[in-house]
Amino acid sequence: MIDLLFEQIRKAAAEDSLFKEKLLKAYEGEHRIIAFCKVCNEKGIEIYPMDLADADESMYAAMRRSTNGGGENSPHLNWQEEAFASLVRDIAGE
């Protein structure tokens, strides 16, 4: 489900430059997760901080299980905001 929400956010940001700008500005703020969700909800995309936390934990767990992803000893495993940061990088076009 979170993948569908992320895709919906990516698509809306690609089609609406003002929405994209608001998302990127929200990410730069002090309470970025709450602000980001608020911008999405104002656009009609229902997403909440726990959705982002769950996405991060799911991504981290999948990487830990993955042999090709480095497994649990990989130095690249940093679950904090990983899925959220990846979404924002996609929106920014990085």
PDB file of N, CA and C in Angstrom:
ATOM      1  N   MET A   1       0.809  -1.195   0.000  1.00  0.00           N
ATOM      2  CA  MET A   1       0.000   0.000   0.000  1.00  0.00           C
ATOM      3  C   MET A   1       0.857   1.265   0.000  1.00  0.00           C
ATOM      4  N   ILE A   2       1.942   1.270   0.782  1.00  0.00           N
ATOM      5  CA  ILE A   2       2.775   2.465   0.839  1.00  0.00           C
ATOM      6  C   ILE A   2       3.423   2.735  -0.512  1.00  0.00           C
ATOM      7  N   ASP A   3       3.731   1.676  -1.259  1.00  0.00           N
ATOM      8  CA  ASP A   3       4.303   1.868  -2.590  1.00  0.00           C
ATOM      9  C   ASP A   3       3.339   2.619  -3.495  1.00  0.00           C
ATOM     10  N   LEU A   4       2.055   2.313  -3.371  1.00  0.00           N
ATOM     11  CA  LEU A   4       1.048   3.015  -4.170  1.00  0.00           C
ATOM     12  C   LEU A   4       0.950   4.482  -3.768  1.00  0.00           C
ATOM     13  N   LEU A   5       1.022   4.742  -2.469  1.00  0.00           N
ATOM     14  CA  LEU A   5       0.999   6.128  -1.991  1.00  0.00           C
ATOM     15  C   LEU A   5       2.220   6.890  -2.491  1.00  0.00           C
ATOM     16  N   PHE A   6       3.387   6.265  -2.404  1.00  0.00           N
ATOM     17  CA  PHE A   6       4.613   6.916  -2.870  1.00  0.00           C
ATOM     18  C   PHE A   6       4.517   7.219  -4.362  1.00  0.00           C
ATOM     19  N   GLU A   7       3.990   6.274  -5.129  1.00  0.00           N
ATOM     20  CA  GLU A   7       3.846   6.494  -6.570  1.00  0.00           C
ATOM     21  C   GLU A   7       2.857   7.624  -6.847  1.00  0.00           C
ATOM     22  N   GLN A   8       1.785   7.676  -6.082  1.00  0.00           N
ATOM     23  CA  GLN A   8       0.798   8.747  -6.226  1.00  0.00           C
ATOM     24  C   GLN A   8       1.439  10.104  -5.917  1.00  0.00           C
ATOM     25  N   ILE A   9       2.269  10.160  -4.891  1.00  0.00           N
ATOM     26  CA  ILE A   9       2.958  11.404  -4.530  1.00  0.00           C
ATOM     27  C   ILE A   9       3.937  11.799  -5.631  1.00  0.00           C
ATOM     28  N   ARG A  10       4.719  10.836  -6.132  1.00  0.00           N
ATOM     29  CA  ARG A  10       5.671  11.124  -7.216  1.00  0.00           C
ATOM     30  C   ARG A  10       4.948  11.683  -8.441  1.00  0.00           C
ATOM     31  N   LYS A  11       3.850  11.034  -8.809  1.00  0.00           N
ATOM     32  CA  LYS A  11       3.097  11.455  -9.997  1.00  0.00           C
ATOM     33  C   LYS A  11       2.517  12.852  -9.811  1.00  0.00           C
ATOM     34  N   ALA A  12       1.922  13.109  -8.650  1.00  0.00           N
ATOM     35  CA  ALA A  12       1.339  14.427  -8.381  1.00  0.00           C
ATOM     36  C   ALA A  12       2.412  15.506  -8.386  1.00  0.00           C
ATOM     37  N   ALA A  13       3.583  15.204  -7.838  1.00  0.00           N
ATOM     38  CA  ALA A  13       4.681  16.179  -7.811  1.00  0.00           C
ATOM     39  C   ALA A  13       5.198  16.459  -9.220  1.00  0.00           C
ATOM     40  N   ALA A  14       5.212  15.443 -10.068  1.00  0.00           N
ATOM     41  CA  ALA A  14       5.659  15.621 -11.448  1.00  0.00           C
ATOM     42  C   ALA A  14       4.678  16.474 -12.247  1.00  0.00           C
ATOM     43  N   GLU A  15       3.407  16.385 -11.911  1.00  0.00           N
ATOM     44  CA  GLU A  15       2.368  17.111 -12.640  1.00  0.00           C
ATOM     45  C   GLU A  15       2.089  18.502 -12.079  1.00  0.00           C
ATOM     46  N   ASP A  16       2.457  18.746 -10.831  1.00  0.00           N
ATOM     47  CA  ASP A  16       2.116  20.002 -10.157  1.00  0.00           C
ATOM     48  C   ASP A  16       3.370  20.576  -9.496  1.00  0.00           C
ATOM     49  N   SER A  17       3.971  21.573 -10.137  1.00  0.00           N
ATOM     50  CA  SER A  17       5.231  22.127  -9.631  1.00  0.00           C
ATOM     51  C   SER A  17       5.071  22.813  -8.275  1.00  0.00           C
ATOM     52  N   LEU A  18       3.912  23.389  -8.000  1.00  0.00           N
ATOM     53  CA  LEU A  18       3.682  24.024  -6.701  1.00  0.00           C
ATOM     54  C   LEU A  18       3.643  22.967  -5.592  1.00  0.00           C
ATOM     55  N   PHE A  19       2.983  21.852  -5.862  1.00  0.00           N
ATOM     56  CA  PHE A  19       2.945  20.742  -4.905  1.00  0.00           C
ATOM     57  C   PHE A  19       4.362  20.220  -4.655  1.00  0.00           C
ATOM     58  N   LYS A  20       5.125  20.045  -5.720  1.00  0.00           N
ATOM     59  CA  LYS A  20       6.510  19.588  -5.601  1.00  0.00           C
ATOM     60  C   LYS A  20       7.314  20.550  -4.734  1.00  0.00           C
ATOM     61  N   GLU A  21       7.173  21.828  -4.991  1.00  0.00           N
ATOM     62  CA  GLU A  21       7.886  22.850  -4.223  1.00  0.00           C
ATOM     63  C   GLU A  21       7.515  22.789  -2.738  1.00  0.00           C
ATOM     64  N   LYS A  22       6.230  22.625  -2.456  1.00  0.00           N
ATOM     65  CA  LYS A  22       5.776  22.531  -1.062  1.00  0.00           C
ATOM     66  C   LYS A  22       6.342  21.292  -0.375  1.00  0.00           C
ATOM     67  N   LEU A  23       6.388  20.172  -1.096  1.00  0.00           N
ATOM     68  CA  LEU A  23       6.940  18.940  -0.520  1.00  0.00           C
ATOM     69  C   LEU A  23       8.417  19.106  -0.176  1.00  0.00           C
ATOM     70  N   LEU A  24       9.168  19.684  -1.098  1.00  0.00           N
ATOM     71  CA  LEU A  24      10.598  19.864  -0.866  1.00  0.00           C
ATOM     72  C   LEU A  24      10.858  20.851   0.266  1.00  0.00           C
ATOM     73  N   LYS A  25      10.048  21.885   0.350  1.00  0.00           N
ATOM     74  CA  LYS A  25      10.185  22.852   1.445  1.00  0.00           C
ATOM     75  C   LYS A  25       9.836  22.191   2.783  1.00  0.00           C
ATOM     76  N   ALA A  26       8.799  21.369   2.790  1.00  0.00           N
ATOM     77  CA  ALA A  26       8.405  20.663   4.016  1.00  0.00           C
ATOM     78  C   ALA A  26       9.530  19.758   4.495  1.00  0.00           C
ATOM     79  N   TYR A  27      10.222  19.122   3.564  1.00  0.00           N
ATOM     80  CA  TYR A  27      11.305  18.206   3.919  1.00  0.00           C
ATOM     81  C   TYR A  27      12.475  18.935   4.582  1.00  0.00           C
ATOM     82  N   GLU A  28      12.651  20.192   4.251  1.00  0.00           N
ATOM     83  CA  GLU A  28      13.756  20.973   4.809  1.00  0.00           C
ATOM     84  C   GLU A  28      13.457  21.497   6.207  1.00  0.00           C
ATOM     85  N   GLY A  29      12.212  21.441   6.637  1.00  0.00           N
ATOM     86  CA  GLY A  29      11.810  21.999   7.920  1.00  0.00           C
ATOM     87  C   GLY A  29      12.192  21.141   9.110  1.00  0.00           C
ATOM     88  N   GLU A  30      11.942  21.685  10.286  1.00  0.00           N
ATOM     89  CA  GLU A  30      12.294  21.015  11.541  1.00  0.00           C
ATOM     90  C   GLU A  30      11.467  19.746  11.768  1.00  0.00           C
ATOM     91  N   HIS A  31      10.190  19.803  11.495  1.00  0.00           N
ATOM     92  CA  HIS A  31       9.286  18.654  11.680  1.00  0.00           C
ATOM     93  C   HIS A  31       8.879  18.137  10.304  1.00  0.00           C
ATOM     94  N   ARG A  32       9.864  17.683   9.560  1.00  0.00           N
ATOM     95  CA  ARG A  32       9.650  17.389   8.146  1.00  0.00           C
ATOM     96  C   ARG A  32       8.638  16.295   7.861  1.00  0.00           C
ATOM     97  N   ILE A  33       8.583  15.278   8.671  1.00  0.00           N
ATOM     98  CA  ILE A  33       7.640  14.192   8.395  1.00  0.00           C
ATOM     99  C   ILE A  33       6.207  14.679   8.559  1.00  0.00           C
ATOM    100  N   ILE A  34       5.951  15.389   9.632  1.00  0.00           N
ATOM    101  CA  ILE A  34       4.602  15.922   9.873  1.00  0.00           C
ATOM    102  C   ILE A  34       4.231  16.926   8.791  1.00  0.00           C
ATOM    103  N   ALA A  35       5.155  17.823   8.458  1.00  0.00           N
ATOM    104  CA  ALA A  35       4.890  18.839   7.435  1.00  0.00           C
ATOM    105  C   ALA A  35       4.658  18.199   6.069  1.00  0.00           C
ATOM    106  N   PHE A  36       5.453  17.193   5.730  1.00  0.00           N
ATOM    107  CA  PHE A  36       5.319  16.499   4.458  1.00  0.00           C
ATOM    108  C   PHE A  36       3.949  15.838   4.345  1.00  0.00           C
ATOM    109  N   CYS A  37       3.547  15.157   5.412  1.00  0.00           N
ATOM    110  CA  CYS A  37       2.234  14.500   5.422  1.00  0.00           C
ATOM    111  C   CYS A  37       1.108  15.521   5.303  1.00  0.00           C
ATOM    112  N   LYS A  38       1.260  16.659   5.956  1.00  0.00           N
ATOM    113  CA  LYS A  38       0.235  17.705   5.894  1.00  0.00           C
ATOM    114  C   LYS A  38       0.064  18.210   4.464  1.00  0.00           C
ATOM    115  N   VAL A  39       1.175  18.441   3.766  1.00  0.00           N
ATOM    116  CA  VAL A  39       1.113  18.902   2.374  1.00  0.00           C
ATOM    117  C   VAL A  39       0.412  17.853   1.512  1.00  0.00           C
ATOM    118  N   CYS A  40       0.751  16.594   1.721  1.00  0.00           N
ATOM    119  CA  CYS A  40       0.110  15.514   0.955  1.00  0.00           C
ATOM    120  C   CYS A  40      -1.385  15.445   1.242  1.00  0.00           C
ATOM    121  N   ASN A  41      -1.748  15.525   2.513  1.00  0.00           N
ATOM    122  CA  ASN A  41      -3.165  15.463   2.885  1.00  0.00           C
ATOM    123  C   ASN A  41      -3.945  16.633   2.307  1.00  0.00           C
ATOM    124  N   GLU A  42      -3.332  17.816   2.263  1.00  0.00           N
ATOM    125  CA  GLU A  42      -3.994  18.979   1.654  1.00  0.00           C
ATOM    126  C   GLU A  42      -4.242  18.754   0.168  1.00  0.00           C
ATOM    127  N   LYS A  43      -3.401  17.947  -0.462  1.00  0.00           N
ATOM    128  CA  LYS A  43      -3.538  17.626  -1.886  1.00  0.00           C
ATOM    129  C   LYS A  43      -4.531  16.479  -2.105  1.00  0.00           C
ATOM    130  N   GLY A  44      -4.976  15.858  -1.010  1.00  0.00           N
ATOM    131  CA  GLY A  44      -5.919  14.750  -1.125  1.00  0.00           C
ATOM    132  C   GLY A  44      -5.261  13.383  -1.105  1.00  0.00           C
ATOM    133  N   ILE A  45      -3.970  13.355  -0.805  1.00  0.00           N
ATOM    134  CA  ILE A  45      -3.237  12.094  -0.705  1.00  0.00           C
ATOM    135  C   ILE A  45      -3.103  11.776   0.776  1.00  0.00           C
ATOM    136  N   GLU A  46      -3.827  10.777   1.222  1.00  0.00           N
ATOM    137  CA  GLU A  46      -3.912  10.462   2.648  1.00  0.00           C
ATOM    138  C   GLU A  46      -2.708   9.628   3.090  1.00  0.00           C
ATOM    139  N   ILE A  47      -1.779  10.285   3.768  1.00  0.00           N
ATOM    140  CA  ILE A  47      -0.583   9.626   4.285  1.00  0.00           C
ATOM    141  C   ILE A  47      -0.263  10.228   5.646  1.00  0.00           C
ATOM    142  N   TYR A  48       0.233   9.395   6.539  1.00  0.00           N
ATOM    143  CA  TYR A  48       0.481   9.817   7.921  1.00  0.00           C
ATOM    144  C   TYR A  48       1.894   9.422   8.350  1.00  0.00           C
ATOM    145  N   PRO A  49       2.417  10.063   9.391  1.00  0.00           N
ATOM    146  CA  PRO A  49       3.781   9.754   9.844  1.00  0.00           C
ATOM    147  C   PRO A  49       4.035   8.261  10.081  1.00  0.00           C
ATOM    148  N   MET A  50       3.064   7.556  10.620  1.00  0.00           N
ATOM    149  CA  MET A  50       3.265   6.119  10.856  1.00  0.00           C
ATOM    150  C   MET A  50       3.402   5.340   9.552  1.00  0.00           C
ATOM    151  N   ASP A  51       2.780   5.820   8.477  1.00  0.00           N
ATOM    152  CA  ASP A  51       2.954   5.177   7.176  1.00  0.00           C
ATOM    153  C   ASP A  51       4.416   5.259   6.751  1.00  0.00           C
ATOM    154  N   LEU A  52       5.025   6.433   6.960  1.00  0.00           N
ATOM    155  CA  LEU A  52       6.427   6.617   6.596  1.00  0.00           C
ATOM    156  C   LEU A  52       7.341   5.790   7.494  1.00  0.00           C
ATOM    157  N   ALA A  53       7.037   5.744   8.777  1.00  0.00           N
ATOM    158  CA  ALA A  53       7.840   4.946   9.707  1.00  0.00           C
ATOM    159  C   ALA A  53       7.770   3.470   9.334  1.00  0.00           C
ATOM    160  N   ASP A  54       6.584   2.998   8.991  1.00  0.00           N
ATOM    161  CA  ASP A  54       6.412   1.602   8.602  1.00  0.00           C
ATOM    162  C   ASP A  54       7.164   1.299   7.309  1.00  0.00           C
ATOM    163  N   ALA A  55       7.132   2.234   6.366  1.00  0.00           N
ATOM    164  CA  ALA A  55       7.853   2.041   5.106  1.00  0.00           C
ATOM    165  C   ALA A  55       9.348   1.929   5.360  1.00  0.00           C
ATOM    166  N   ASP A  56       9.864   2.771   6.243  1.00  0.00           N
ATOM    167  CA  ASP A  56      11.287   2.727   6.574  1.00  0.00           C
ATOM    168  C   ASP A  56      11.660   1.403   7.217  1.00  0.00           C
ATOM    169  N   GLU A  57      10.865   0.949   8.167  1.00  0.00           N
ATOM    170  CA  GLU A  57      11.154  -0.305   8.854  1.00  0.00           C
ATOM    171  C   GLU A  57      11.042  -1.492   7.903  1.00  0.00           C
ATOM    172  N   SER A  58      10.069  -1.457   7.005  1.00  0.00           N
ATOM    173  CA  SER A  58       9.903  -2.542   6.034  1.00  0.00           C
ATOM    174  C   SER A  58      11.087  -2.598   5.079  1.00  0.00           C
ATOM    175  N   MET A  59      11.538  -1.435   4.637  1.00  0.00           N
ATOM    176  CA  MET A  59      12.682  -1.366   3.734  1.00  0.00           C
ATOM    177  C   MET A  59      13.938  -1.899   4.432  1.00  0.00           C
ATOM    178  N   TYR A  60      14.132  -1.486   5.664  1.00  0.00           N
ATOM    179  CA  TYR A  60      15.282  -1.938   6.448  1.00  0.00           C
ATOM    180  C   TYR A  60      15.241  -3.453   6.647  1.00  0.00           C
ATOM    181  N   ALA A  61      14.084  -3.976   6.984  1.00  0.00           N
ATOM    182  CA  ALA A  61      13.945  -5.419   7.206  1.00  0.00           C
ATOM    183  C   ALA A  61      14.220  -6.195   5.923  1.00  0.00           C
ATOM    184  N   ALA A  62      13.738  -5.689   4.800  1.00  0.00           N
ATOM    185  CA  ALA A  62      13.976  -6.358   3.522  1.00  0.00           C
ATOM    186  C   ALA A  62      15.464  -6.367   3.188  1.00  0.00           C
ATOM    187  N   MET A  63      16.153  -5.275   3.473  1.00  0.00           N
ATOM    188  CA  MET A  63      17.592  -5.214   3.219  1.00  0.00           C
ATOM    189  C   MET A  63      18.350  -6.187   4.122  1.00  0.00           C
ATOM    190  N   ARG A  64      17.916  -6.313   5.352  1.00  0.00           N
ATOM    191  CA  ARG A  64      18.584  -7.239   6.282  1.00  0.00           C
ATOM    192  C   ARG A  64      18.431  -8.679   5.819  1.00  0.00           C
ATOM    193  N   ARG A  65      17.290  -8.989   5.232  1.00  0.00           N
ATOM    194  CA  ARG A  65      17.040 -10.360   4.773  1.00  0.00           C
ATOM    195  C   ARG A  65      17.762 -10.659   3.466  1.00  0.00           C
ATOM    196  N   SER A  66      18.152  -9.627   2.756  1.00  0.00           N
ATOM    197  CA  SER A  66      18.711  -9.781   1.423  1.00  0.00           C
ATOM    198  C   SER A  66      20.187 -10.164   1.451  1.00  0.00           C
ATOM    199  N   THR A  67      20.520 -11.220   0.736  1.00  0.00           N
ATOM    200  CA  THR A  67      21.923 -11.604   0.603  1.00  0.00           C
ATOM    201  C   THR A  67      22.648 -10.584  -0.258  1.00  0.00           C
ATOM    202  N   ASN A  68      22.043 -10.191  -1.363  1.00  0.00           N
ATOM    203  CA  ASN A  68      22.674  -9.239  -2.269  1.00  0.00           C
ATOM    204  C   ASN A  68      22.681  -7.822  -1.717  1.00  0.00           C
ATOM    205  N   GLY A  69      21.831  -7.546  -0.764  1.00  0.00           N
ATOM    206  CA  GLY A  69      21.778  -6.213  -0.168  1.00  0.00           C
ATOM    207  C   GLY A  69      22.788  -6.027   0.946  1.00  0.00           C
ATOM    208  N   GLY A  70      23.565  -7.047   1.228  1.00  0.00           N
ATOM    209  CA  GLY A  70      24.602  -6.920   2.232  1.00  0.00           C
ATOM    210  C   GLY A  70      24.297  -7.647   3.522  1.00  0.00           C
ATOM    211  N   GLY A  71      23.053  -8.047   3.693  1.00  0.00           N
ATOM    212  CA  GLY A  71      22.694  -8.744   4.918  1.00  0.00           C
ATOM    213  C   GLY A  71      22.808  -7.860   6.138  1.00  0.00           C
ATOM    214  N   GLU A  72      22.694  -8.470   7.298  1.00  0.00           N
ATOM    215  CA  GLU A  72      22.638  -7.684   8.531  1.00  0.00           C
ATOM    216  C   GLU A  72      23.955  -7.026   8.891  1.00  0.00           C
ATOM    217  N   ASN A  73      25.066  -7.436   8.297  1.00  0.00           N
ATOM    218  CA  ASN A  73      26.357  -6.831   8.610  1.00  0.00           C
ATOM    219  C   ASN A  73      26.748  -5.721   7.642  1.00  0.00           C
ATOM    220  N   SER A  74      25.867  -5.379   6.735  1.00  0.00           N
ATOM    221  CA  SER A  74      26.176  -4.341   5.765  1.00  0.00           C
ATOM    222  C   SER A  74      26.351  -2.988   6.442  1.00  0.00           C
ATOM    223  N   PRO A  75      27.419  -2.268   6.111  1.00  0.00           N
ATOM    224  CA  PRO A  75      27.609  -0.933   6.693  1.00  0.00           C
ATOM    225  C   PRO A  75      26.617   0.084   6.138  1.00  0.00           C
ATOM    226  N   HIS A  76      25.909  -0.292   5.085  1.00  0.00           N
ATOM    227  CA  HIS A  76      24.964   0.629   4.450  1.00  0.00           C
ATOM    228  C   HIS A  76      23.584   0.603   5.086  1.00  0.00           C
ATOM    229  N   LEU A  77      23.386  -0.232   6.076  1.00  0.00           N
ATOM    230  CA  LEU A  77      22.073  -0.326   6.699  1.00  0.00           C
ATOM    231  C   LEU A  77      21.877   0.801   7.697  1.00  0.00           C
ATOM    232  N   ASN A  78      21.075   1.743   7.304  1.00  0.00           N
ATOM    233  CA  ASN A  78      20.697   2.843   8.180  1.00  0.00           C
ATOM    234  C   ASN A  78      19.221   3.084   7.918  1.00  0.00           C
ATOM    235  N   TRP A  79      18.371   2.523   8.754  1.00  0.00           N
ATOM    236  CA  TRP A  79      16.935   2.528   8.478  1.00  0.00           C
ATOM    237  C   TRP A  79      16.282   3.875   8.703  1.00  0.00           C
ATOM    238  N   GLN A  80      16.950   4.793   9.367  1.00  0.00           N
ATOM    239  CA  GLN A  80      16.308   6.056   9.729  1.00  0.00           C
ATOM    240  C   GLN A  80      15.973   6.871   8.484  1.00  0.00           C
ATOM    241  N   GLU A  81      14.713   7.040   8.224  1.00  0.00           N
ATOM    242  CA  GLU A  81      14.181   7.854   7.135  1.00  0.00           C
ATOM    243  C   GLU A  81      14.651   7.419   5.750  1.00  0.00           C
ATOM    244  N   GLU A  82      15.079   6.192   5.602  1.00  0.00           N
ATOM    245  CA  GLU A  82      15.618   5.752   4.327  1.00  0.00           C
ATOM    246  C   GLU A  82      14.581   5.789   3.198  1.00  0.00           C
ATOM    247  N   ALA A  83      13.418   5.205   3.391  1.00  0.00           N
ATOM    248  CA  ALA A  83      12.389   5.201   2.348  1.00  0.00           C
ATOM    249  C   ALA A  83      11.873   6.613   2.098  1.00  0.00           C
ATOM    250  N   PHE A  84      11.697   7.373   3.159  1.00  0.00           N
ATOM    251  CA  PHE A  84      11.227   8.756   3.043  1.00  0.00           C
ATOM    252  C   PHE A  84      12.251   9.602   2.288  1.00  0.00           C
ATOM    253  N   ALA A  85      13.521   9.477   2.645  1.00  0.00           N
ATOM    254  CA  ALA A  85      14.581  10.234   1.976  1.00  0.00           C
ATOM    255  C   ALA A  85      14.665   9.849   0.501  1.00  0.00           C
ATOM    256  N   SER A  86      14.488   8.580   0.212  1.00  0.00           N
ATOM    257  CA  SER A  86      14.509   8.113  -1.170  1.00  0.00           C
ATOM    258  C   SER A  86      13.355   8.717  -1.971  1.00  0.00           C
ATOM    259  N   LEU A  87      12.189   8.770  -1.370  1.00  0.00           N
ATOM    260  CA  LEU A  87      11.029   9.385  -2.018  1.00  0.00           C
ATOM    261  C   LEU A  87      11.305  10.849  -2.330  1.00  0.00           C
ATOM    262  N   VAL A  88      11.862  11.572  -1.375  1.00  0.00           N
ATOM    263  CA  VAL A  88      12.140  12.998  -1.577  1.00  0.00           C
ATOM    264  C   VAL A  88      13.204  13.187  -2.659  1.00  0.00           C
ATOM    265  N   ARG A  89      14.218  12.325  -2.689  1.00  0.00           N
ATOM    266  CA  ARG A  89      15.231  12.409  -3.755  1.00  0.00           C
ATOM    267  C   ARG A  89      14.584  12.199  -5.121  1.00  0.00           C
ATOM    268  N   ASP A  90      13.651  11.258  -5.206  1.00  0.00           N
ATOM    269  CA  ASP A  90      12.935  11.028  -6.467  1.00  0.00           C
ATOM    270  C   ASP A  90      12.151  12.264  -6.883  1.00  0.00           C
ATOM    271  N   ILE A  91      11.468  12.870  -5.936  1.00  0.00           N
ATOM    272  CA  ILE A  91      10.667  14.059  -6.224  1.00  0.00           C
ATOM    273  C   ILE A  91      11.560  15.209  -6.689  1.00  0.00           C
ATOM    274  N   ALA A  92      12.707  15.358  -6.025  1.00  0.00           N
ATOM    275  CA  ALA A  92      13.634  16.441  -6.357  1.00  0.00           C
ATOM    276  C   ALA A  92      14.343  16.197  -7.689  1.00  0.00           C
ATOM    277  N   GLY A  93      14.304  14.953  -8.149  1.00  0.00           N
ATOM    278  CA  GLY A  93      14.943  14.626  -9.415  1.00  0.00           C
ATOM    279  C   GLY A  93      16.421  14.322  -9.274  1.00  0.00           C
ATOM    280  N   GLU A  94      16.826  13.924  -8.099  1.00  0.00           N
ATOM    281  CA  GLU A  94      18.249  13.610  -7.854  1.00  0.00           C
ATOM    282  C   GLU A  94      18.546  12.179  -8.214  1.00  0.00           C
TER     283      GLU A  94
END
